[in-house]
Amino acid sequence: MKRVGKALRTALVALIATWGLAGCMSPDAVEVSSGGFDFAVEVTGNTAVARNYHTGRLNFAELEEAARSAIETASGCAVRTLVKRGEINTFDATLTCAS
């Protein structure tokens, strides 16, 4: 019985975390998984913002590369510049899109 209770608690925590991410996403954001990280990516013209809500200790280089890949996947464009914003795990990008 303890195993069933633990499994139910784990499932509930995962569901709440998913709802939390969905609640933080803007209506225009696309959820993209890249490099083991989940991002909410918003694309507006030739710019994009990628947000990741992971709160553990991270390898910044891996997170940055995953953000670049997530933005390129969501936008269909190449990332020209990528800058980490002061907010936790938020990246601003300018895009180069084929005409």
Protein backbone atom coordinates (compact mmCIF):
# COMPACT_ATOMS: atom_id res chain seq x y z
CA MET A 1 0.00 0.00 0.00
CA LYS A 2 2.88 2.37 0.74
CA ARG A 3 4.19 1.92 -2.81
CA VAL A 4 0.81 2.84 -4.28
CA GLY A 5 0.65 5.94 -2.08
CA LYS A 6 4.15 6.98 -3.12
CA ALA A 7 3.33 6.45 -6.80
CA LEU A 8 0.17 8.53 -6.46
CA ARG A 9 2.08 11.34 -4.71
CA THR A 10 4.73 11.30 -7.45
CA ALA A 11 2.07 11.45 -10.17
CA LEU A 12 0.31 14.31 -8.38
CA VAL A 13 3.54 16.31 -8.05
CA ALA A 14 4.27 15.81 -11.76
CA LEU A 15 0.75 16.94 -12.68
CA ILE A 16 0.97 20.06 -10.51
CA ALA A 17 4.40 20.92 -11.98
CA THR A 18 2.96 20.58 -15.51
CA TRP A 19 0.02 22.83 -14.63
CA GLY A 20 2.47 25.32 -13.10
CA LEU A 21 4.48 25.52 -16.31
CA ALA A 22 1.32 25.88 -18.37
CA GLY A 23 0.15 28.65 -16.04
CA CYS A 24 3.40 30.57 -16.54
CA MET A 25 3.29 30.32 -20.31
CA SER A 26 1.72 33.12 -22.27
CA PRO A 27 -1.07 32.11 -24.65
CA ASP A 28 1.36 32.60 -27.55
CA ALA A 29 4.15 30.45 -26.06
CA VAL A 30 5.03 27.08 -27.53
CA GLU A 31 6.28 24.35 -25.21
CA VAL A 32 9.49 22.80 -26.56
CA SER A 33 11.75 20.17 -24.98
CA SER A 34 15.43 20.35 -25.84
CA GLY A 35 18.53 18.86 -24.24
CA GLY A 36 16.50 17.47 -21.35
CA PHE A 37 14.99 20.88 -20.52
CA ASP A 38 11.45 22.15 -21.13
CA PHE A 39 11.05 25.68 -22.47
CA ALA A 40 8.15 28.04 -23.09
CA VAL A 41 9.15 29.85 -26.29
CA GLU A 42 7.46 33.03 -27.54
CA VAL A 43 8.28 34.23 -31.05
CA THR A 44 7.43 37.77 -32.20
CA GLY A 45 8.71 38.77 -35.62
CA ASN A 46 12.50 38.46 -35.59
CA THR A 47 12.82 38.06 -31.82
CA ALA A 48 12.11 35.24 -29.39
CA VAL A 49 12.10 34.59 -25.65
CA ALA A 50 12.74 31.16 -24.13
CA ARG A 51 11.92 30.48 -20.49
CA ASN A 52 12.89 27.40 -18.51
CA TYR A 53 11.48 26.83 -15.04
CA HIS A 54 14.02 24.27 -13.79
CA THR A 55 15.19 25.26 -10.32
CA GLY A 56 18.10 22.90 -9.65
CA ARG A 57 21.82 23.51 -10.17
CA LEU A 58 22.47 23.63 -13.88
CA ASN A 59 25.31 23.54 -16.33
CA PHE A 60 24.79 26.98 -17.88
CA ALA A 61 26.43 26.07 -21.21
CA GLU A 62 24.07 23.09 -21.63
CA LEU A 63 21.04 25.21 -20.71
CA GLU A 64 22.08 27.96 -23.14
CA GLU A 65 22.58 25.50 -26.00
CA ALA A 66 19.24 23.85 -25.22
CA ALA A 67 17.55 27.30 -25.25
CA ARG A 68 19.10 28.05 -28.66
CA SER A 69 17.84 24.73 -30.03
CA ALA A 70 14.36 25.23 -28.54
CA ILE A 71 14.07 28.69 -30.10
CA GLU A 72 15.19 27.41 -33.49
CA THR A 73 12.69 24.54 -33.27
CA ALA A 74 9.80 26.81 -32.27
CA SER A 75 10.59 29.57 -34.79
CA GLY A 76 11.98 27.69 -37.77
CA CYS A 77 14.70 30.37 -37.89
CA ALA A 78 18.38 30.50 -37.01
CA VAL A 79 19.35 32.26 -33.77
CA ARG A 80 21.56 35.26 -34.58
CA THR A 81 22.11 36.46 -30.98
CA LEU A 82 21.24 34.86 -27.66
CA VAL A 83 21.47 36.75 -24.37
CA LYS A 84 20.53 35.54 -20.89
CA ARG A 85 18.11 37.95 -19.27
CA GLY A 86 18.45 38.88 -15.59
CA GLU A 87 15.46 36.64 -14.83
CA ILE A 88 16.23 33.06 -13.92
CA ASN A 89 16.67 30.85 -17.01
CA THR A 90 15.24 33.37 -19.49
CA PHE A 91 16.92 33.95 -22.84
CA ASP A 92 16.29 36.69 -25.43
CA ALA A 93 17.16 35.96 -29.05
CA THR A 94 17.23 37.75 -32.36
CA LEU A 95 16.46 35.57 -35.34
CA THR A 96 17.57 35.24 -38.93
CA CYS A 97 14.68 33.85 -40.93
CA ALA A 98 14.72 32.81 -44.59
CA SER A 99 12.48 34.99 -46.72
